[in-house]
Amino acid sequence: MKLPCELVVWYVLPIIRSELAKELVKLGLSQKEVSKRLGITQAAVSQYLNDKRGRDIKFKVDVKEEIKEIAKDTAIDNAFSNLTLRICEVCTRVKTDKTLCELHKEHYTVPEGCNVCLE
């Protein structure tokens, strides 16, 4: 049995980081600067940019737009204090828009009528 939070750690957070890294590079930040601002290694940034990590699911349009906004704010403010909170909000949105449920059902056996992600 996989818990929703396990799926978040293994699938959702890497994709959020991947999308953020790609957006930050588009905004002109170096891989080194992206790694510093996101608190990850430069090697991880490189893997995200080359689609070697964080590519297993597709987010809905509103989630992608929110990630772009977070990237803009992060690019402007080197010490962006709301990054953790904003990423948590994206994660919550991924749960409530059923993206996490779809992922769960695609990769694992899920009991009929399960709505744990939505609670």
N, C-alpha and C. Protein backbone atom coordinates (compact mmCIF):
# COMPACT_ATOMS: atom_id res chain seq x y z
N MET A 1 0.85 -1.18 0.00
CA MET A 1 0.00 0.00 0.00
C MET A 1 0.89 1.25 0.00
N LYS A 2 0.62 2.15 -0.92
CA LYS A 2 1.34 3.42 -0.97
C LYS A 2 0.42 4.52 -0.46
N LEU A 3 0.94 5.29 0.47
CA LEU A 3 0.19 6.41 1.01
C LEU A 3 0.32 7.61 0.07
N PRO A 4 -0.68 8.49 0.04
CA PRO A 4 -0.59 9.67 -0.82
C PRO A 4 0.68 10.48 -0.60
N CYS A 5 1.12 10.59 0.64
CA CYS A 5 2.33 11.38 0.92
C CYS A 5 3.57 10.73 0.30
N GLU A 6 3.59 9.40 0.22
CA GLU A 6 4.71 8.74 -0.45
C GLU A 6 4.73 9.09 -1.94
N LEU A 7 3.56 9.13 -2.54
CA LEU A 7 3.47 9.50 -3.95
C LEU A 7 3.92 10.94 -4.16
N VAL A 8 3.59 11.79 -3.22
CA VAL A 8 4.02 13.19 -3.31
C VAL A 8 5.54 13.26 -3.30
N VAL A 9 6.18 12.54 -2.39
CA VAL A 9 7.64 12.57 -2.29
C VAL A 9 8.29 11.98 -3.53
N TRP A 10 7.77 10.88 -4.03
CA TRP A 10 8.41 10.18 -5.15
C TRP A 10 8.08 10.78 -6.51
N TYR A 11 6.90 11.38 -6.66
CA TYR A 11 6.48 11.85 -7.97
C TYR A 11 6.23 13.36 -8.03
N VAL A 12 5.42 13.87 -7.12
CA VAL A 12 4.95 15.25 -7.23
C VAL A 12 6.05 16.27 -6.95
N LEU A 13 6.75 16.14 -5.83
CA LEU A 13 7.79 17.11 -5.51
C LEU A 13 8.89 17.16 -6.57
N PRO A 14 9.36 16.03 -7.08
CA PRO A 14 10.36 16.13 -8.16
C PRO A 14 9.84 16.86 -9.40
N ILE A 15 8.58 16.70 -9.72
CA ILE A 15 8.04 17.38 -10.89
C ILE A 15 7.89 18.88 -10.61
N ILE A 16 7.48 19.23 -9.40
CA ILE A 16 7.41 20.64 -9.04
C ILE A 16 8.81 21.26 -9.15
N ARG A 17 9.81 20.58 -8.60
CA ARG A 17 11.18 21.09 -8.67
C ARG A 17 11.66 21.17 -10.12
N SER A 18 11.33 20.17 -10.90
CA SER A 18 11.72 20.17 -12.31
C SER A 18 11.14 21.36 -13.04
N GLU A 19 9.84 21.59 -12.85
CA GLU A 19 9.18 22.71 -13.52
C GLU A 19 9.74 24.04 -13.04
N LEU A 20 10.00 24.15 -11.72
CA LEU A 20 10.59 25.38 -11.19
C LEU A 20 11.98 25.62 -11.77
N ALA A 21 12.80 24.58 -11.81
CA ALA A 21 14.15 24.72 -12.35
C ALA A 21 14.11 25.18 -13.80
N LYS A 22 13.25 24.57 -14.60
CA LYS A 22 13.14 24.94 -16.02
C LYS A 22 12.69 26.39 -16.17
N GLU A 23 11.73 26.80 -15.38
CA GLU A 23 11.24 28.19 -15.45
C GLU A 23 12.32 29.18 -15.01
N LEU A 24 13.04 28.85 -13.95
CA LEU A 24 14.08 29.75 -13.47
C LEU A 24 15.21 29.90 -14.49
N VAL A 25 15.56 28.83 -15.17
CA VAL A 25 16.58 28.92 -16.22
C VAL A 25 16.06 29.77 -17.37
N LYS A 26 14.77 29.61 -17.72
CA LYS A 26 14.18 30.45 -18.77
C LYS A 26 14.23 31.92 -18.39
N LEU A 27 14.16 32.19 -17.09
CA LEU A 27 14.20 33.57 -16.60
C LEU A 27 15.63 34.10 -16.48
N GLY A 28 16.62 33.29 -16.86
CA GLY A 28 18.00 33.76 -16.92
C GLY A 28 18.91 33.35 -15.78
N LEU A 29 18.45 32.54 -14.86
CA LEU A 29 19.31 32.10 -13.77
C LEU A 29 20.19 30.94 -14.22
N SER A 30 21.39 30.88 -13.69
CA SER A 30 22.29 29.77 -13.98
C SER A 30 21.85 28.53 -13.18
N GLN A 31 22.35 27.38 -13.59
CA GLN A 31 22.03 26.15 -12.85
C GLN A 31 22.51 26.26 -11.40
N LYS A 32 23.67 26.88 -11.21
CA LYS A 32 24.20 27.05 -9.86
C LYS A 32 23.27 27.91 -9.01
N GLU A 33 22.79 29.00 -9.59
CA GLU A 33 21.88 29.88 -8.86
C GLU A 33 20.54 29.19 -8.59
N VAL A 34 20.04 28.44 -9.56
CA VAL A 34 18.79 27.70 -9.37
C VAL A 34 18.95 26.71 -8.21
N SER A 35 20.08 26.00 -8.20
CA SER A 35 20.29 25.01 -7.13
C SER A 35 20.32 25.70 -5.76
N LYS A 36 20.94 26.85 -5.71
CA LYS A 36 21.03 27.61 -4.46
C LYS A 36 19.63 28.05 -3.99
N ARG A 37 18.86 28.59 -4.90
CA ARG A 37 17.54 29.12 -4.53
C ARG A 37 16.54 28.03 -4.18
N LEU A 38 16.67 26.87 -4.82
CA LEU A 38 15.74 25.77 -4.54
C LEU A 38 16.25 24.84 -3.44
N GLY A 39 17.51 25.01 -3.04
CA GLY A 39 18.07 24.17 -1.99
C GLY A 39 18.31 22.74 -2.45
N ILE A 40 18.71 22.59 -3.70
CA ILE A 40 19.02 21.27 -4.26
C ILE A 40 20.39 21.34 -4.91
N THR A 41 20.94 20.19 -5.29
CA THR A 41 22.27 20.20 -5.90
C THR A 41 22.19 20.67 -7.35
N GLN A 42 23.34 21.13 -7.83
CA GLN A 42 23.42 21.53 -9.23
C GLN A 42 23.21 20.31 -10.13
N ALA A 43 23.67 19.14 -9.69
CA ALA A 43 23.45 17.91 -10.46
C ALA A 43 21.96 17.61 -10.60
N ALA A 44 21.19 17.85 -9.53
CA ALA A 44 19.74 17.63 -9.60
C ALA A 44 19.11 18.60 -10.59
N VAL A 45 19.55 19.85 -10.57
CA VAL A 45 19.04 20.83 -11.53
C VAL A 45 19.31 20.35 -12.95
N SER A 46 20.52 19.89 -13.21
CA SER A 46 20.88 19.39 -14.53
C SER A 46 19.98 18.23 -14.95
N GLN A 47 19.72 17.33 -14.02
CA GLN A 47 18.85 16.19 -14.33
C GLN A 47 17.42 16.65 -14.60
N TYR A 48 16.94 17.63 -13.87
CA TYR A 48 15.60 18.17 -14.12
C TYR A 48 15.54 18.81 -15.51
N LEU A 49 16.56 19.58 -15.85
CA LEU A 49 16.57 20.27 -17.13
C LEU A 49 16.66 19.30 -18.30
N ASN A 50 17.29 18.16 -18.08
CA ASN A 50 17.44 17.15 -19.13
C ASN A 50 16.40 16.04 -19.05
N ASP A 51 15.34 16.27 -18.27
CA ASP A 51 14.23 15.32 -18.13
C ASP A 51 14.67 13.94 -17.67
N LYS A 52 15.69 13.88 -16.83
CA LYS A 52 16.10 12.61 -16.26
C LYS A 52 15.46 12.37 -14.90
N ARG A 53 14.86 13.41 -14.36
CA ARG A 53 14.11 13.33 -13.10
C ARG A 53 12.86 14.17 -13.27
N GLY A 54 11.83 13.82 -12.49
CA GLY A 54 10.65 14.66 -12.43
C GLY A 54 9.90 14.79 -13.74
N ARG A 55 9.51 13.66 -14.32
CA ARG A 55 8.81 13.72 -15.60
C ARG A 55 7.69 12.70 -15.72
N ASP A 56 7.29 12.09 -14.61
CA ASP A 56 6.36 10.97 -14.67
C ASP A 56 4.89 11.33 -14.82
N ILE A 57 4.49 12.53 -14.43
CA ILE A 57 3.09 12.93 -14.57
C ILE A 57 3.02 14.34 -15.14
N LYS A 58 1.88 14.66 -15.67
CA LYS A 58 1.64 15.99 -16.23
C LYS A 58 0.68 16.74 -15.31
N PHE A 59 1.04 17.98 -15.01
CA PHE A 59 0.17 18.82 -14.20
C PHE A 59 -0.87 19.49 -15.06
N LYS A 60 -1.97 19.84 -14.43
CA LYS A 60 -3.02 20.60 -15.12
C LYS A 60 -2.54 22.04 -15.33
N VAL A 61 -3.18 22.74 -16.24
CA VAL A 61 -2.75 24.08 -16.67
C VAL A 61 -2.65 25.05 -15.49
N ASP A 62 -3.63 25.06 -14.59
CA ASP A 62 -3.58 26.01 -13.48
C ASP A 62 -2.40 25.75 -12.55
N VAL A 63 -2.02 24.50 -12.39
CA VAL A 63 -0.87 24.17 -11.56
C VAL A 63 0.41 24.65 -12.24
N LYS A 64 0.52 24.43 -13.54
CA LYS A 64 1.69 24.91 -14.28
C LYS A 64 1.81 26.42 -14.20
N GLU A 65 0.69 27.12 -14.28
CA GLU A 65 0.71 28.58 -14.19
C GLU A 65 1.15 29.03 -12.80
N GLU A 66 0.70 28.34 -11.77
CA GLU A 66 1.12 28.69 -10.41
C GLU A 66 2.63 28.48 -10.24
N ILE A 67 3.14 27.41 -10.80
CA ILE A 67 4.59 27.15 -10.73
C ILE A 67 5.36 28.26 -11.45
N LYS A 68 4.85 28.73 -12.58
CA LYS A 68 5.50 29.84 -13.28
C LYS A 68 5.53 31.10 -12.42
N GLU A 69 4.44 31.36 -11.72
CA GLU A 69 4.38 32.53 -10.83
C GLU A 69 5.37 32.39 -9.68
N ILE A 70 5.47 31.19 -9.12
CA ILE A 70 6.44 30.95 -8.04
C ILE A 70 7.85 31.17 -8.57
N ALA A 71 8.13 30.70 -9.78
CA ALA A 71 9.46 30.89 -10.37
C ALA A 71 9.76 32.37 -10.55
N LYS A 72 8.80 33.14 -11.03
CA LYS A 72 9.02 34.58 -11.20
C LYS A 72 9.36 35.24 -9.88
N ASP A 73 8.60 34.90 -8.84
CA ASP A 73 8.85 35.48 -7.52
C ASP A 73 10.22 35.04 -6.98
N THR A 74 10.57 33.79 -7.21
CA THR A 74 11.85 33.26 -6.74
C THR A 74 13.01 33.90 -7.50
N ALA A 75 12.83 34.17 -8.78
CA ALA A 75 13.88 34.81 -9.58
C ALA A 75 14.13 36.24 -9.14
N ILE A 76 13.07 36.92 -8.74
CA ILE A 76 13.17 38.33 -8.32
C ILE A 76 13.79 38.45 -6.94
N ASP A 77 13.38 37.58 -6.03
CA ASP A 77 13.78 37.67 -4.62
C ASP A 77 14.69 36.51 -4.26
N ASN A 78 15.96 36.78 -4.07
CA ASN A 78 16.94 35.75 -3.74
C ASN A 78 16.61 35.02 -2.45
N ALA A 79 15.96 35.69 -1.52
CA ALA A 79 15.61 35.09 -0.23
C ALA A 79 14.10 34.92 -0.12
N PHE A 80 13.49 34.43 -1.19
CA PHE A 80 12.04 34.29 -1.24
C PHE A 80 11.56 33.43 -0.08
N SER A 81 10.87 34.05 0.85
CA SER A 81 10.52 33.39 2.11
C SER A 81 9.28 32.51 2.01
N ASN A 82 8.47 32.69 0.99
CA ASN A 82 7.24 31.91 0.88
C ASN A 82 7.37 30.69 -0.02
N LEU A 83 8.58 30.34 -0.42
CA LEU A 83 8.77 29.23 -1.35
C LEU A 83 8.18 27.93 -0.80
N THR A 84 8.50 27.58 0.42
CA THR A 84 7.99 26.34 1.01
C THR A 84 6.47 26.34 1.05
N LEU A 85 5.90 27.42 1.53
CA LEU A 85 4.45 27.52 1.61
C LEU A 85 3.80 27.41 0.23
N ARG A 86 4.36 28.08 -0.73
CA ARG A 86 3.79 28.06 -2.09
C ARG A 86 3.89 26.67 -2.72
N ILE A 87 5.01 25.98 -2.48
CA ILE A 87 5.13 24.62 -3.00
C ILE A 87 4.10 23.71 -2.32
N CYS A 88 3.90 23.89 -1.04
CA CYS A 88 2.87 23.11 -0.33
C CYS A 88 1.48 23.39 -0.91
N GLU A 89 1.21 24.62 -1.28
CA GLU A 89 -0.07 24.96 -1.89
C GLU A 89 -0.24 24.27 -3.25
N VAL A 90 0.83 24.21 -4.02
CA VAL A 90 0.78 23.50 -5.31
C VAL A 90 0.50 22.02 -5.06
N CYS A 91 1.17 21.46 -4.09
CA CYS A 91 0.98 20.05 -3.75
C CYS A 91 -0.48 19.79 -3.36
N THR A 92 -1.05 20.67 -2.57
CA THR A 92 -2.45 20.54 -2.18
C THR A 92 -3.36 20.61 -3.40
N ARG A 93 -3.05 21.49 -4.31
CA ARG A 93 -3.85 21.61 -5.53
C ARG A 93 -3.78 20.32 -6.35
N VAL A 94 -2.59 19.72 -6.42
CA VAL A 94 -2.42 18.47 -7.16
C VAL A 94 -3.26 17.36 -6.53
N LYS A 95 -3.43 17.41 -5.23
CA LYS A 95 -4.30 16.44 -4.56
C LYS A 95 -5.76 16.72 -4.88
N THR A 96 -6.19 17.97 -4.76
CA THR A 96 -7.60 18.29 -4.92
C THR A 96 -8.08 18.24 -6.36
N ASP A 97 -7.17 18.41 -7.34
CA ASP A 97 -7.62 18.33 -8.73
C ASP A 97 -7.56 16.90 -9.28
N LYS A 98 -7.30 15.97 -8.38
CA LYS A 98 -7.31 14.53 -8.65
C LYS A 98 -6.12 14.03 -9.48
N THR A 99 -5.13 14.87 -9.72
CA THR A 99 -3.94 14.41 -10.42
C THR A 99 -3.26 13.30 -9.62
N LEU A 100 -3.19 13.48 -8.30
CA LEU A 100 -2.56 12.47 -7.45
C LEU A 100 -3.36 11.17 -7.48
N CYS A 101 -4.68 11.27 -7.47
CA CYS A 101 -5.52 10.08 -7.53
C CYS A 101 -5.29 9.31 -8.84
N GLU A 102 -5.18 10.05 -9.93
CA GLU A 102 -4.94 9.41 -11.23
C GLU A 102 -3.60 8.69 -11.22
N LEU A 103 -2.59 9.32 -10.66
CA LEU A 103 -1.27 8.71 -10.55
C LEU A 103 -1.34 7.45 -9.70
N HIS A 104 -2.01 7.54 -8.58
CA HIS A 104 -2.15 6.42 -7.64
C HIS A 104 -2.81 5.24 -8.35
N LYS A 105 -3.90 5.50 -9.04
CA LYS A 105 -4.63 4.43 -9.73
C LYS A 105 -3.83 3.84 -10.89
N GLU A 106 -3.01 4.66 -11.52
CA GLU A 106 -2.21 4.21 -12.66
C GLU A 106 -1.11 3.24 -12.23
N HIS A 107 -0.51 3.49 -11.06
CA HIS A 107 0.65 2.71 -10.65
C HIS A 107 0.39 1.68 -9.55
N TYR A 108 -0.74 1.79 -8.85
CA TYR A 108 -0.97 0.93 -7.70
C TYR A 108 -2.43 0.49 -7.65
N THR A 109 -2.67 -0.56 -6.89
CA THR A 109 -4.03 -1.01 -6.65
C THR A 109 -4.65 -0.09 -5.59
N VAL A 110 -5.77 0.49 -5.94
CA VAL A 110 -6.44 1.44 -5.05
C VAL A 110 -7.84 0.90 -4.76
N PRO A 111 -8.25 0.88 -3.48
CA PRO A 111 -9.60 0.40 -3.16
C PRO A 111 -10.67 1.22 -3.87
N GLU A 112 -11.71 0.56 -4.29
CA GLU A 112 -12.84 1.23 -4.94
C GLU A 112 -13.40 2.32 -4.03
N GLY A 113 -13.65 3.48 -4.59
CA GLY A 113 -14.23 4.59 -3.83
C GLY A 113 -13.23 5.34 -2.95
N CYS A 114 -11.96 5.05 -3.09
CA CYS A 114 -10.94 5.73 -2.29
C CYS A 114 -10.96 7.24 -2.58
N ASN A 115 -10.95 8.03 -1.52
CA ASN A 115 -10.87 9.49 -1.68
C ASN A 115 -9.93 10.11 -0.64
N VAL A 116 -8.95 9.34 -0.21
CA VAL A 116 -8.00 9.79 0.83
C VAL A 116 -7.31 11.09 0.42
N CYS A 117 -6.93 11.19 -0.85
CA CYS A 117 -6.22 12.39 -1.31
C CYS A 117 -7.06 13.65 -1.17
N LEU A 118 -8.35 13.48 -1.23
CA LEU A 118 -9.24 14.64 -1.21
C LEU A 118 -9.62 15.07 0.20
N GLU A 119 -9.28 14.27 1.19
CA GLU A 119 -9.66 14.59 2.57
C GLU A 119 -8.65 15.49 3.23
